Every structure is written in C-alpha cells, then in structure tokens.
C-alpha cells in the first residue's frame, strides 16, 4: 500500500484530505507542523509527501529543504499544497525542492493524478 505523509496544520483540511486519500487506498501518515514532518519522513520513509507550505514551528519551504538535503529522504517526492496560488509561489516551492505544486482548495482527481505520476517515475 502506498504511504503518503500529509503535513498539514489545519485540522479540517487534514481530516478531509486524509479521509479522501484513505478511501482511494492510500495509507496516510499525518504531521501537524514542518518539524514533525521532517522527523516522520526520516523515520517512516513514506512513498510521497504532501506538504502544506504555511506551517507552524517550521514552514513547508524549510521542511522540504531539510527533507531534500537528507540523503535518506531526498528521493521522496514532495507535492506542495498551498493557498498561495501566484506563479511566484509555485516557483518558490519548486526552488525549495518540491517536485510538484497544487493549490488549495484541493481538486482531488487532479491531486491523485499528480501523485500517481510522481510515483510512476
């Protein structure tokens, strides 16, 4: 079963997205801030990470940089999830090491296509 680490601080978003991904057959791990996301990525080695960028403790940009700087987790694909929908926000996410970017509110079929594309590479 594909394991996805969802790093999301908003309880409603976290609950809604994790339930919808679980119904699609994904095993979903949860972290509520960037620091916990970095730690869970290292200890659990998920197949893919969905990273909110505006997080407490450590933001998603820094968490992604740390995940990509660690040889043990650098190969895990990261999709940025953010309400910031400007072209510069996408560029910032990619510069931080994210492999793809999706804006909120999440379009689940589109997000699942991105997940499947990254897992296939």
PDB file of N, CA and C in Angstrom:
ATOM      1  N   UNK A   1       0.844  -1.184   0.000  1.00  0.00           N
ATOM      2  CA  UNK A   1       0.000   0.000   0.000  1.00  0.00           C
ATOM      3  C   UNK A   1       0.886   1.242   0.000  1.00  0.00           C
ATOM      4  N   UNK A   2       0.565   2.169  -0.836  1.00  0.00           N
ATOM      5  CA  UNK A   2       1.319   3.428  -0.941  1.00  0.00           C
ATOM      6  C   UNK A   2       1.108   4.265   0.313  1.00  0.00           C
ATOM      7  N   UNK A   3       2.219   4.702   0.903  1.00  0.00           N
ATOM      8  CA  UNK A   3       2.137   5.517   2.119  1.00  0.00           C
ATOM      9  C   UNK A   3       2.414   6.972   1.778  1.00  0.00           C
ATOM     10  N   UNK A   4       1.489   7.821   2.182  1.00  0.00           N
ATOM     11  CA  UNK A   4       1.612   9.263   1.945  1.00  0.00           C
ATOM     12  C   UNK A   4       1.695   9.970   3.290  1.00  0.00           C
ATOM     13  N   UNK A   5       2.675  10.836   3.411  1.00  0.00           N
ATOM     14  CA  UNK A   5       2.780  11.690   4.595  1.00  0.00           C
ATOM     15  C   UNK A   5       2.117  13.015   4.271  1.00  0.00           C
ATOM     16  N   UNK A   6       1.075  13.339   5.000  1.00  0.00           N
ATOM     17  CA  UNK A   6       0.365  14.602   4.850  1.00  0.00           C
ATOM     18  C   UNK A   6       0.827  15.539   5.953  1.00  0.00           C
ATOM     19  N   UNK A   7       1.475  16.633   5.579  1.00  0.00           N
ATOM     20  CA  UNK A   7       1.943  17.631   6.555  1.00  0.00           C
ATOM     21  C   UNK A   7       1.012  18.824   6.433  1.00  0.00           C
ATOM     22  N   UNK A   8       0.121  18.962   7.396  1.00  0.00           N
ATOM     23  CA  UNK A   8      -0.957  19.966   7.319  1.00  0.00           C
ATOM     24  C   UNK A   8      -1.323  20.385   8.739  1.00  0.00           C
ATOM     25  N   UNK A   9      -1.353  21.676   8.991  1.00  0.00           N
ATOM     26  CA  UNK A   9      -1.682  22.143  10.338  1.00  0.00           C
ATOM     27  C   UNK A   9      -3.166  22.379  10.553  1.00  0.00           C
ATOM     28  N   UNK A  10      -3.913  22.604   9.487  1.00  0.00           N
ATOM     29  CA  UNK A  10      -5.341  22.889   9.624  1.00  0.00           C
ATOM     30  C   UNK A  10      -6.100  21.573   9.814  1.00  0.00           C
ATOM     31  N   UNK A  11      -6.741  21.440  10.983  1.00  0.00           N
ATOM     32  CA  UNK A  11      -7.396  20.187  11.330  1.00  0.00           C
ATOM     33  C   UNK A  11      -8.472  19.786  10.321  1.00  0.00           C
ATOM     34  N   UNK A  12      -9.262  20.749   9.859  1.00  0.00           N
ATOM     35  CA  UNK A  12     -10.333  20.427   8.919  1.00  0.00           C
ATOM     36  C   UNK A  12      -9.748  19.935   7.587  1.00  0.00           C
ATOM     37  N   UNK A  13      -8.731  20.624   7.078  1.00  0.00           N
ATOM     38  CA  UNK A  13      -8.089  20.194   5.831  1.00  0.00           C
ATOM     39  C   UNK A  13      -7.432  18.821   5.991  1.00  0.00           C
ATOM     40  N   UNK A  14      -6.757  18.651   7.125  1.00  0.00           N
ATOM     41  CA  UNK A  14      -6.061  17.388   7.405  1.00  0.00           C
ATOM     42  C   UNK A  14      -7.050  16.227   7.447  1.00  0.00           C
ATOM     43  N   UNK A  15      -8.135  16.416   8.176  1.00  0.00           N
ATOM     44  CA  UNK A  15      -9.138  15.358   8.325  1.00  0.00           C
ATOM     45  C   UNK A  15      -9.803  15.040   6.984  1.00  0.00           C
ATOM     46  N   UNK A  16     -10.207  16.071   6.263  1.00  0.00           N
ATOM     47  CA  UNK A  16     -10.900  15.870   4.990  1.00  0.00           C
ATOM     48  C   UNK A  16      -9.994  15.184   3.972  1.00  0.00           C
ATOM     49  N   UNK A  17      -8.789  15.673   3.814  1.00  0.00           N
ATOM     50  CA  UNK A  17      -7.897  15.113   2.799  1.00  0.00           C
ATOM     51  C   UNK A  17      -7.430  13.707   3.174  1.00  0.00           C
ATOM     52  N   UNK A  18      -7.127  13.482   4.436  1.00  0.00           N
ATOM     53  CA  UNK A  18      -6.668  12.140   4.824  1.00  0.00           C
ATOM     54  C   UNK A  18      -7.781  11.109   4.629  1.00  0.00           C
ATOM     55  N   UNK A  19      -9.017  11.456   4.950  1.00  0.00           N
ATOM     56  CA  UNK A  19     -10.123  10.508   4.733  1.00  0.00           C
ATOM     57  C   UNK A  19     -10.330  10.223   3.248  1.00  0.00           C
ATOM     58  N   UNK A  20     -10.263  11.264   2.421  1.00  0.00           N
ATOM     59  CA  UNK A  20     -10.471  11.069   0.980  1.00  0.00           C
ATOM     60  C   UNK A  20      -9.339  10.240   0.366  1.00  0.00           C
ATOM     61  N   UNK A  21      -8.111  10.463   0.793  1.00  0.00           N
ATOM     62  CA  UNK A  21      -6.986   9.669   0.270  1.00  0.00           C
ATOM     63  C   UNK A  21      -7.066   8.224   0.774  1.00  0.00           C
ATOM     64  N   UNK A  22      -7.469   8.037   2.009  1.00  0.00           N
ATOM     65  CA  UNK A  22      -7.617   6.681   2.558  1.00  0.00           C
ATOM     66  C   UNK A  22      -8.671   5.904   1.787  1.00  0.00           C
ATOM     67  N   UNK A  23      -9.758   6.570   1.433  1.00  0.00           N
ATOM     68  CA  UNK A  23     -10.813   5.897   0.652  1.00  0.00           C
ATOM     69  C   UNK A  23     -10.303   5.490  -0.731  1.00  0.00           C
ATOM     70  N   UNK A  24      -9.292   6.170  -1.229  1.00  0.00           N
ATOM     71  CA  UNK A  24      -8.692   5.828  -2.535  1.00  0.00           C
ATOM     72  C   UNK A  24      -7.605   4.773  -2.400  1.00  0.00           C
ATOM     73  N   UNK A  25      -7.403   4.261  -1.175  1.00  0.00           N
ATOM     74  CA  UNK A  25      -6.472   3.160  -0.984  1.00  0.00           C
ATOM     75  C   UNK A  25      -5.079   3.541  -0.517  1.00  0.00           C
ATOM     76  N   UNK A  26      -4.867   4.802  -0.165  1.00  0.00           N
ATOM     77  CA  UNK A  26      -3.560   5.228   0.333  1.00  0.00           C
ATOM     78  C   UNK A  26      -3.521   5.085   1.856  1.00  0.00           C
ATOM     79  N   UNK A  27      -2.352   4.732   2.377  1.00  0.00           N
ATOM     80  CA  UNK A  27      -2.110   4.726   3.815  1.00  0.00           C
ATOM     81  C   UNK A  27      -1.563   6.118   4.152  1.00  0.00           C
ATOM     82  N   UNK A  28      -2.265   6.878   4.961  1.00  0.00           N
ATOM     83  CA  UNK A  28      -1.921   8.279   5.206  1.00  0.00           C
ATOM     84  C   UNK A  28      -1.348   8.465   6.610  1.00  0.00           C
ATOM     85  N   UNK A  29      -0.131   8.993   6.655  1.00  0.00           N
ATOM     86  CA  UNK A  29       0.512   9.398   7.893  1.00  0.00           C
ATOM     87  C   UNK A  29       0.291  10.900   8.029  1.00  0.00           C
ATOM     88  N   UNK A  30       0.254  11.389   9.266  1.00  0.00           N
ATOM     89  CA  UNK A  30      -0.051  12.806   9.486  1.00  0.00           C
ATOM     90  C   UNK A  30       1.013  13.470  10.353  1.00  0.00           C
ATOM     91  N   UNK A  31       1.397  14.672   9.941  1.00  0.00           N
ATOM     92  CA  UNK A  31       2.227  15.549  10.772  1.00  0.00           C
ATOM     93  C   UNK A  31       1.548  16.912  10.783  1.00  0.00           C
ATOM     94  N   UNK A  32       1.567  17.564  11.934  1.00  0.00           N
ATOM     95  CA  UNK A  32       0.844  18.828  12.089  1.00  0.00           C
ATOM     96  C   UNK A  32       1.722  20.061  11.932  1.00  0.00           C
ATOM     97  N   UNK A  33       3.031  19.878  11.752  1.00  0.00           N
ATOM     98  CA  UNK A  33       3.920  21.010  11.506  1.00  0.00           C
ATOM     99  C   UNK A  33       5.134  20.525  10.721  1.00  0.00           C
ATOM    100  N   UNK A  34       5.933  21.462  10.241  1.00  0.00           N
ATOM    101  CA  UNK A  34       7.064  21.101   9.397  1.00  0.00           C
ATOM    102  C   UNK A  34       8.125  20.278  10.109  1.00  0.00           C
ATOM    103  N   UNK A  35       8.395  20.595  11.357  1.00  0.00           N
ATOM    104  CA  UNK A  35       9.414  19.852  12.114  1.00  0.00           C
ATOM    105  C   UNK A  35       8.985  18.392  12.268  1.00  0.00           C
ATOM    106  N   UNK A  36       7.728  18.177  12.640  1.00  0.00           N
ATOM    107  CA  UNK A  36       7.222  16.808  12.776  1.00  0.00           C
ATOM    108  C   UNK A  36       7.228  16.105  11.422  1.00  0.00           C
ATOM    109  N   UNK A  37       6.975  16.858  10.349  1.00  0.00           N
ATOM    110  CA  UNK A  37       7.003  16.276   9.014  1.00  0.00           C
ATOM    111  C   UNK A  37       8.393  15.789   8.635  1.00  0.00           C
ATOM    112  N   UNK A  38       9.414  16.580   8.952  1.00  0.00           N
ATOM    113  CA  UNK A  38      10.802  16.182   8.667  1.00  0.00           C
ATOM    114  C   UNK A  38      11.142  14.914   9.460  1.00  0.00           C
ATOM    115  N   UNK A  39      10.740  14.888  10.726  1.00  0.00           N
ATOM    116  CA  UNK A  39      11.044  13.727  11.577  1.00  0.00           C
ATOM    117  C   UNK A  39      10.316  12.476  11.088  1.00  0.00           C
ATOM    118  N   UNK A  40       9.039  12.612  10.722  1.00  0.00           N
ATOM    119  CA  UNK A  40       8.285  11.448  10.239  1.00  0.00           C
ATOM    120  C   UNK A  40       8.799  10.964   8.883  1.00  0.00           C
ATOM    121  N   UNK A  41       9.215  11.893   8.038  1.00  0.00           N
ATOM    122  CA  UNK A  41       9.783  11.492   6.745  1.00  0.00           C
ATOM    123  C   UNK A  41      11.014  10.625   6.961  1.00  0.00           C
ATOM    124  N   UNK A  42      11.857  11.001   7.930  1.00  0.00           N
ATOM    125  CA  UNK A  42      13.084  10.239   8.195  1.00  0.00           C
ATOM    126  C   UNK A  42      12.797   8.891   8.851  1.00  0.00           C
ATOM    127  N   UNK A  43      11.829   8.859   9.745  1.00  0.00           N
ATOM    128  CA  UNK A  43      11.580   7.601  10.479  1.00  0.00           C
ATOM    129  C   UNK A  43      10.672   6.642   9.730  1.00  0.00           C
ATOM    130  N   UNK A  44       9.734   7.155   8.948  1.00  0.00           N
ATOM    131  CA  UNK A  44       8.746   6.289   8.293  1.00  0.00           C
ATOM    132  C   UNK A  44       8.982   6.086   6.809  1.00  0.00           C
ATOM    133  N   UNK A  45       9.785   6.958   6.191  1.00  0.00           N
ATOM    134  CA  UNK A  45      10.102   6.864   4.766  1.00  0.00           C
ATOM    135  C   UNK A  45       8.848   6.624   3.900  1.00  0.00           C
ATOM    136  N   UNK A  46       7.934   7.575   3.888  1.00  0.00           N
ATOM    137  CA  UNK A  46       6.722   7.433   3.057  1.00  0.00           C
ATOM    138  C   UNK A  46       7.089   7.420   1.584  1.00  0.00           C
ATOM    139  N   UNK A  47       6.147   7.001   0.762  1.00  0.00           N
ATOM    140  CA  UNK A  47       6.375   6.971  -0.688  1.00  0.00           C
ATOM    141  C   UNK A  47       6.276   8.362  -1.291  1.00  0.00           C
ATOM    142  N   UNK A  48       5.524   9.251  -0.645  1.00  0.00           N
ATOM    143  CA  UNK A  48       5.304  10.598  -1.160  1.00  0.00           C
ATOM    144  C   UNK A  48       4.876  11.501  -0.008  1.00  0.00           C
ATOM    145  N   UNK A  49       5.172  12.785  -0.128  1.00  0.00           N
ATOM    146  CA  UNK A  49       4.806  13.755   0.914  1.00  0.00           C
ATOM    147  C   UNK A  49       3.940  14.852   0.298  1.00  0.00           C
ATOM    148  N   UNK A  50       2.834  15.163   0.965  1.00  0.00           N
ATOM    149  CA  UNK A  50       2.008  16.326   0.625  1.00  0.00           C
ATOM    150  C   UNK A  50       2.309  17.379   1.677  1.00  0.00           C
ATOM    151  N   UNK A  51       2.901  18.487   1.255  1.00  0.00           N
ATOM    152  CA  UNK A  51       3.438  19.474   2.192  1.00  0.00           C
ATOM    153  C   UNK A  51       2.701  20.799   2.097  1.00  0.00           C
ATOM    154  N   UNK A  52       1.953  21.129   3.143  1.00  0.00           N
ATOM    155  CA  UNK A  52       1.419  22.485   3.253  1.00  0.00           C
ATOM    156  C   UNK A  52       2.630  23.415   3.421  1.00  0.00           C
ATOM    157  N   UNK A  53       2.583  24.598   2.881  1.00  0.00           N
ATOM    158  CA  UNK A  53       3.749  25.476   2.946  1.00  0.00           C
ATOM    159  C   UNK A  53       3.678  26.456   4.116  1.00  0.00           C
ATOM    160  N   UNK A  54       2.484  26.809   4.553  1.00  0.00           N
ATOM    161  CA  UNK A  54       2.330  27.729   5.688  1.00  0.00           C
ATOM    162  C   UNK A  54       2.053  26.914   6.938  1.00  0.00           C
ATOM    163  N   UNK A  55       3.118  26.563   7.641  1.00  0.00           N
ATOM    164  CA  UNK A  55       3.009  25.680   8.801  1.00  0.00           C
ATOM    165  C   UNK A  55       3.626  26.338  10.027  1.00  0.00           C
ATOM    166  N   UNK A  56       3.164  25.960  11.229  1.00  0.00           N
ATOM    167  CA  UNK A  56       3.809  26.451  12.445  1.00  0.00           C
ATOM    168  C   UNK A  56       5.098  25.673  12.722  1.00  0.00           C
ATOM    169  N   UNK A  57       5.888  26.162  13.616  1.00  0.00           N
ATOM    170  CA  UNK A  57       7.146  25.568  14.092  1.00  0.00           C
ATOM    171  C   UNK A  57       8.221  25.655  13.004  1.00  0.00           C
ATOM    172  N   UNK A  58       7.964  25.028  11.850  1.00  0.00           N
ATOM    173  CA  UNK A  58       8.876  25.102  10.696  1.00  0.00           C
ATOM    174  C   UNK A  58       8.000  25.126   9.456  1.00  0.00           C
ATOM    175  N   UNK A  59       8.181  26.136   8.592  1.00  0.00           N
ATOM    176  CA  UNK A  59       7.298  26.217   7.417  1.00  0.00           C
ATOM    177  C   UNK A  59       7.632  25.122   6.398  1.00  0.00           C
ATOM    178  N   UNK A  60       6.752  24.958   5.420  1.00  0.00           N
ATOM    179  CA  UNK A  60       6.901  23.896   4.434  1.00  0.00           C
ATOM    180  C   UNK A  60       8.110  24.057   3.537  1.00  0.00           C
ATOM    181  N   UNK A  61       8.522  25.291   3.287  1.00  0.00           N
ATOM    182  CA  UNK A  61       9.709  25.521   2.458  1.00  0.00           C
ATOM    183  C   UNK A  61      10.947  24.959   3.169  1.00  0.00           C
ATOM    184  N   UNK A  62      11.106  25.302   4.445  1.00  0.00           N
ATOM    185  CA  UNK A  62      12.275  24.828   5.193  1.00  0.00           C
ATOM    186  C   UNK A  62      12.189  23.310   5.416  1.00  0.00           C
ATOM    187  N   UNK A  63      11.010  22.820   5.726  1.00  0.00           N
ATOM    188  CA  UNK A  63      10.859  21.371   5.921  1.00  0.00           C
ATOM    189  C   UNK A  63      11.239  20.620   4.645  1.00  0.00           C
ATOM    190  N   UNK A  64      10.816  21.123   3.497  1.00  0.00           N
ATOM    191  CA  UNK A  64      11.158  20.471   2.228  1.00  0.00           C
ATOM    192  C   UNK A  64      12.664  20.537   1.977  1.00  0.00           C
ATOM    193  N   UNK A  65      13.271  21.694   2.243  1.00  0.00           N
ATOM    194  CA  UNK A  65      14.731  21.808   2.069  1.00  0.00           C
ATOM    195  C   UNK A  65      15.457  20.764   2.920  1.00  0.00           C
ATOM    196  N   UNK A  66      15.006  20.579   4.162  1.00  0.00           N
ATOM    197  CA  UNK A  66      15.669  19.610   5.053  1.00  0.00           C
ATOM    198  C   UNK A  66      15.432  18.177   4.586  1.00  0.00           C
ATOM    199  N   UNK A  67      14.235  17.878   4.108  1.00  0.00           N
ATOM    200  CA  UNK A  67      13.948  16.525   3.603  1.00  0.00           C
ATOM    201  C   UNK A  67      14.815  16.236   2.378  1.00  0.00           C
ATOM    202  N   UNK A  68      14.927  17.211   1.493  1.00  0.00           N
ATOM    203  CA  UNK A  68      15.718  17.012   0.275  1.00  0.00           C
ATOM    204  C   UNK A  68      17.216  17.027   0.547  1.00  0.00           C
ATOM    205  N   UNK A  69      17.663  17.642   1.641  1.00  0.00           N
ATOM    206  CA  UNK A  69      19.090  17.668   1.980  1.00  0.00           C
ATOM    207  C   UNK A  69      19.554  16.383   2.664  1.00  0.00           C
ATOM    208  N   UNK A  70      18.624  15.603   3.179  1.00  0.00           N
ATOM    209  CA  UNK A  70      18.948  14.357   3.867  1.00  0.00           C
ATOM    210  C   UNK A  70      19.017  13.233   2.830  1.00  0.00           C
ATOM    211  N   UNK A  71      20.176  12.585   2.665  1.00  0.00           N
ATOM    212  CA  UNK A  71      20.278  11.515   1.669  1.00  0.00           C
ATOM    213  C   UNK A  71      19.251  10.396   1.872  1.00  0.00           C
ATOM    214  N   UNK A  72      18.813  10.192   3.107  1.00  0.00           N
ATOM    215  CA  UNK A  72      17.844   9.128   3.385  1.00  0.00           C
ATOM    216  C   UNK A  72      16.438   9.476   2.905  1.00  0.00           C
ATOM    217  N   UNK A  73      16.146  10.765   2.758  1.00  0.00           N
ATOM    218  CA  UNK A  73      14.784  11.167   2.372  1.00  0.00           C
ATOM    219  C   UNK A  73      14.747  11.987   1.077  1.00  0.00           C
ATOM    220  N   UNK A  74      15.900  12.267   0.509  1.00  0.00           N
ATOM    221  CA  UNK A  74      15.954  13.153  -0.660  1.00  0.00           C
ATOM    222  C   UNK A  74      15.183  12.630  -1.866  1.00  0.00           C
ATOM    223  N   UNK A  75      15.007  11.329  -1.967  1.00  0.00           N
ATOM    224  CA  UNK A  75      14.312  10.756  -3.118  1.00  0.00           C
ATOM    225  C   UNK A  75      12.800  10.689  -2.977  1.00  0.00           C
ATOM    226  N   UNK A  76      12.284  11.086  -1.832  1.00  0.00           N
ATOM    227  CA  UNK A  76      10.832  11.048  -1.621  1.00  0.00           C
ATOM    228  C   UNK A  76      10.205  12.236  -2.355  1.00  0.00           C
ATOM    229  N   UNK A  77       9.282  11.988  -3.287  1.00  0.00           N
ATOM    230  CA  UNK A  77       8.626  13.107  -3.966  1.00  0.00           C
ATOM    231  C   UNK A  77       7.801  13.955  -2.991  1.00  0.00           C
ATOM    232  N   UNK A  78       7.852  15.261  -3.188  1.00  0.00           N
ATOM    233  CA  UNK A  78       7.096  16.195  -2.346  1.00  0.00           C
ATOM    234  C   UNK A  78       6.204  17.042  -3.251  1.00  0.00           C
ATOM    235  N   UNK A  79       4.922  17.078  -2.931  1.00  0.00           N
ATOM    236  CA  UNK A  79       3.989  17.963  -3.614  1.00  0.00           C
ATOM    237  C   UNK A  79       3.609  19.069  -2.640  1.00  0.00           C
ATOM    238  N   UNK A  80       3.865  20.315  -3.031  1.00  0.00           N
ATOM    239  CA  UNK A  80       3.470  21.454  -2.211  1.00  0.00           C
ATOM    240  C   UNK A  80       1.970  21.659  -2.333  1.00  0.00           C
ATOM    241  N   UNK A  81       1.314  21.857  -1.195  1.00  0.00           N
ATOM    242  CA  UNK A  81      -0.107  22.207  -1.169  1.00  0.00           C
ATOM    243  C   UNK A  81      -0.215  23.557  -0.483  1.00  0.00           C
ATOM    244  N   UNK A  82      -0.777  24.524  -1.192  1.00  0.00           N
ATOM    245  CA  UNK A  82      -0.825  25.850  -0.586  1.00  0.00           C
ATOM    246  C   UNK A  82      -1.983  26.669  -1.131  1.00  0.00           C
ATOM    247  N   UNK A  83      -2.444  27.575  -0.310  1.00  0.00           N
ATOM    248  CA  UNK A  83      -3.474  28.516  -0.743  1.00  0.00           C
ATOM    249  C   UNK A  83      -2.849  29.659  -1.533  1.00  0.00           C
ATOM    250  N   UNK A  84      -1.507  29.746  -1.519  1.00  0.00           N
ATOM    251  CA  UNK A  84      -0.792  30.756  -2.291  1.00  0.00           C
ATOM    252  C   UNK A  84      -0.774  30.299  -3.744  1.00  0.00           C
ATOM    253  N   UNK A  85      -1.502  30.976  -4.594  1.00  0.00           N
ATOM    254  CA  UNK A  85      -1.695  30.491  -5.963  1.00  0.00           C
ATOM    255  C   UNK A  85      -1.039  31.368  -7.015  1.00  0.00           C
ATOM    256  N   UNK A  86      -0.100  32.202  -6.627  1.00  0.00           N
ATOM    257  CA  UNK A  86       0.609  33.032  -7.601  1.00  0.00           C
ATOM    258  C   UNK A  86       1.704  32.200  -8.275  1.00  0.00           C
ATOM    259  N   UNK A  87       2.067  32.580  -9.485  1.00  0.00           N
ATOM    260  CA  UNK A  87       3.127  31.865 -10.202  1.00  0.00           C
ATOM    261  C   UNK A  87       4.421  31.865  -9.395  1.00  0.00           C
ATOM    262  N   UNK A  88       4.691  32.968  -8.690  1.00  0.00           N
ATOM    263  CA  UNK A  88       5.922  33.025  -7.886  1.00  0.00           C
ATOM    264  C   UNK A  88       5.881  32.029  -6.728  1.00  0.00           C
ATOM    265  N   UNK A  89       4.694  31.706  -6.212  1.00  0.00           N
ATOM    266  CA  UNK A  89       4.591  30.720  -5.131  1.00  0.00           C
ATOM    267  C   UNK A  89       4.968  29.337  -5.636  1.00  0.00           C
ATOM    268  N   UNK A  90       4.548  29.020  -6.866  1.00  0.00           N
ATOM    269  CA  UNK A  90       4.927  27.739  -7.464  1.00  0.00           C
ATOM    270  C   UNK A  90       6.442  27.677  -7.632  1.00  0.00           C
ATOM    271  N   UNK A  91       7.018  28.757  -8.133  1.00  0.00           N
ATOM    272  CA  UNK A  91       8.471  28.794  -8.328  1.00  0.00           C
ATOM    273  C   UNK A  91       9.208  28.641  -7.004  1.00  0.00           C
ATOM    274  N   UNK A  92       8.712  29.299  -5.948  1.00  0.00           N
ATOM    275  CA  UNK A  92       9.347  29.188  -4.632  1.00  0.00           C
ATOM    276  C   UNK A  92       9.291  27.755  -4.121  1.00  0.00           C
ATOM    277  N   UNK A  93       8.152  27.092  -4.330  1.00  0.00           N
ATOM    278  CA  UNK A  93       8.009  25.708  -3.875  1.00  0.00           C
ATOM    279  C   UNK A  93       8.975  24.795  -4.625  1.00  0.00           C
ATOM    280  N   UNK A  94       9.084  24.989  -5.922  1.00  0.00           N
ATOM    281  CA  UNK A  94       9.992  24.157  -6.716  1.00  0.00           C
ATOM    282  C   UNK A  94      11.447  24.441  -6.331  1.00  0.00           C
ATOM    283  N   UNK A  95      11.772  25.712  -6.073  1.00  0.00           N
ATOM    284  CA  UNK A  95      13.140  26.052  -5.653  1.00  0.00           C
ATOM    285  C   UNK A  95      13.484  25.437  -4.300  1.00  0.00           C
ATOM    286  N   UNK A  96      12.489  25.264  -3.441  1.00  0.00           N
ATOM    287  CA  UNK A  96      12.728  24.644  -2.134  1.00  0.00           C
ATOM    288  C   UNK A  96      12.950  23.136  -2.261  1.00  0.00           C
ATOM    289  N   UNK A  97      12.633  22.579  -3.438  1.00  0.00           N
ATOM    290  CA  UNK A  97      12.851  21.147  -3.646  1.00  0.00           C
ATOM    291  C   UNK A  97      11.590  20.358  -3.906  1.00  0.00           C
ATOM    292  N   UNK A  98      10.439  21.013  -3.874  1.00  0.00           N
ATOM    293  CA  UNK A  98       9.194  20.293  -4.161  1.00  0.00           C
ATOM    294  C   UNK A  98       9.222  19.794  -5.608  1.00  0.00           C
ATOM    295  N   UNK A  99       8.635  18.633  -5.819  1.00  0.00           N
ATOM    296  CA  UNK A  99       8.602  18.032  -7.150  1.00  0.00           C
ATOM    297  C   UNK A  99       7.404  18.494  -7.961  1.00  0.00           C
ATOM    298  N   UNK A 100       6.371  18.954  -7.255  1.00  0.00           N
ATOM    299  CA  UNK A 100       5.185  19.460  -7.927  1.00  0.00           C
ATOM    300  C   UNK A 100       4.488  20.405  -6.961  1.00  0.00           C
ATOM    301  N   UNK A 101       3.410  20.998  -7.430  1.00  0.00           N
ATOM    302  CA  UNK A 101       2.729  22.049  -6.689  1.00  0.00           C
ATOM    303  C   UNK A 101       1.245  21.940  -6.985  1.00  0.00           C
ATOM    304  N   UNK A 102       0.422  22.137  -5.985  1.00  0.00           N
ATOM    305  CA  UNK A 102      -1.024  22.169  -6.195  1.00  0.00           C
ATOM    306  C   UNK A 102      -1.603  23.204  -5.242  1.00  0.00           C
ATOM    307  N   UNK A 103      -2.594  23.934  -5.715  1.00  0.00           N
ATOM    308  CA  UNK A 103      -3.179  24.975  -4.877  1.00  0.00           C
ATOM    309  C   UNK A 103      -4.433  24.459  -4.189  1.00  0.00           C
ATOM    310  N   UNK A 104      -4.755  25.100  -3.069  1.00  0.00           N
ATOM    311  CA  UNK A 104      -5.977  24.796  -2.327  1.00  0.00           C
ATOM    312  C   UNK A 104      -7.070  25.728  -2.804  1.00  0.00           C
ATOM    313  N   UNK A 105      -8.315  25.348  -2.771  1.00  0.00           N
ATOM    314  CA  UNK A 105      -8.784  24.035  -2.310  1.00  0.00           C
ATOM    315  C   UNK A 105      -8.359  22.932  -3.264  1.00  0.00           C
ATOM    316  N   UNK A 106      -8.140  21.773  -2.686  1.00  0.00           N
ATOM    317  CA  UNK A 106      -7.613  20.649  -3.444  1.00  0.00           C
ATOM    318  C   UNK A 106      -8.676  20.093  -4.394  1.00  0.00           C
ATOM    319  N   UNK A 107      -8.259  19.894  -5.634  1.00  0.00           N
ATOM    320  CA  UNK A 107      -9.055  19.171  -6.625  1.00  0.00           C
ATOM    321  C   UNK A 107      -8.547  17.734  -6.549  1.00  0.00           C
ATOM    322  N   UNK A 108      -9.288  16.850  -5.849  1.00  0.00           N
ATOM    323  CA  UNK A 108      -8.765  15.520  -5.550  1.00  0.00           C
ATOM    324  C   UNK A 108      -8.385  14.713  -6.786  1.00  0.00           C
ATOM    325  N   UNK A 109      -9.223  14.635  -7.834  1.00  0.00           N
ATOM    326  CA  UNK A 109      -8.783  13.869  -9.019  1.00  0.00           C
ATOM    327  C   UNK A 109      -7.477  14.410  -9.602  1.00  0.00           C
ATOM    328  N   UNK A 110      -7.324  15.722  -9.654  1.00  0.00           N
ATOM    329  CA  UNK A 110      -6.078  16.309 -10.166  1.00  0.00           C
ATOM    330  C   UNK A 110      -4.899  15.960  -9.262  1.00  0.00           C
ATOM    331  N   UNK A 111      -5.100  16.049  -7.939  1.00  0.00           N
ATOM    332  CA  UNK A 111      -4.027  15.722  -6.997  1.00  0.00           C
ATOM    333  C   UNK A 111      -3.642  14.246  -7.112  1.00  0.00           C
ATOM    334  N   UNK A 112      -4.613  13.365  -7.221  1.00  0.00           N
ATOM    335  CA  UNK A 112      -4.319  11.927  -7.345  1.00  0.00           C
ATOM    336  C   UNK A 112      -3.543  11.657  -8.631  1.00  0.00           C
ATOM    337  N   UNK A 113      -3.885  12.359  -9.719  1.00  0.00           N
ATOM    338  CA  UNK A 113      -3.108  12.194 -10.967  1.00  0.00           C
ATOM    339  C   UNK A 113      -1.653  12.607 -10.748  1.00  0.00           C
ATOM    340  N   UNK A 114      -1.432  13.702 -10.045  1.00  0.00           N
ATOM    341  CA  UNK A 114      -0.062  14.143  -9.769  1.00  0.00           C
ATOM    342  C   UNK A 114       0.670  13.129  -8.891  1.00  0.00           C
ATOM    343  N   UNK A 115      -0.017  12.604  -7.889  1.00  0.00           N
ATOM    344  CA  UNK A 115       0.578  11.584  -7.015  1.00  0.00           C
ATOM    345  C   UNK A 115       0.985  10.376  -7.852  1.00  0.00           C
ATOM    346  N   UNK A 116       0.080   9.885  -8.679  1.00  0.00           N
ATOM    347  CA  UNK A 116       0.365   8.695  -9.485  1.00  0.00           C
ATOM    348  C   UNK A 116       1.497   8.943 -10.477  1.00  0.00           C
ATOM    349  N   UNK A 117       1.550  10.142 -11.067  1.00  0.00           N
ATOM    350  CA  UNK A 117       2.637  10.462 -11.998  1.00  0.00           C
ATOM    351  C   UNK A 117       3.987  10.461 -11.288  1.00  0.00           C
ATOM    352  N   UNK A 118       4.050  11.048 -10.110  1.00  0.00           N
ATOM    353  CA  UNK A 118       5.321  11.087  -9.386  1.00  0.00           C
ATOM    354  C   UNK A 118       5.737   9.701  -8.905  1.00  0.00           C
ATOM    355  N   UNK A 119       4.777   8.884  -8.511  1.00  0.00           N
ATOM    356  CA  UNK A 119       5.107   7.536  -8.046  1.00  0.00           C
ATOM    357  C   UNK A 119       5.538   6.642  -9.202  1.00  0.00           C
ATOM    358  N   UNK A 120       5.117   6.967 -10.409  1.00  0.00           N
ATOM    359  CA  UNK A 120       5.464   6.155 -11.581  1.00  0.00           C
ATOM    360  C   UNK A 120       6.871   6.466 -12.103  1.00  0.00           C
ATOM    361  N   UNK A 121       7.452   7.581 -11.664  1.00  0.00           N
ATOM    362  CA  UNK A 121       8.781   7.956 -12.200  1.00  0.00           C
ATOM    363  C   UNK A 121       9.903   7.347 -11.395  1.00  0.00           C
TER     364      UNK A 121
END
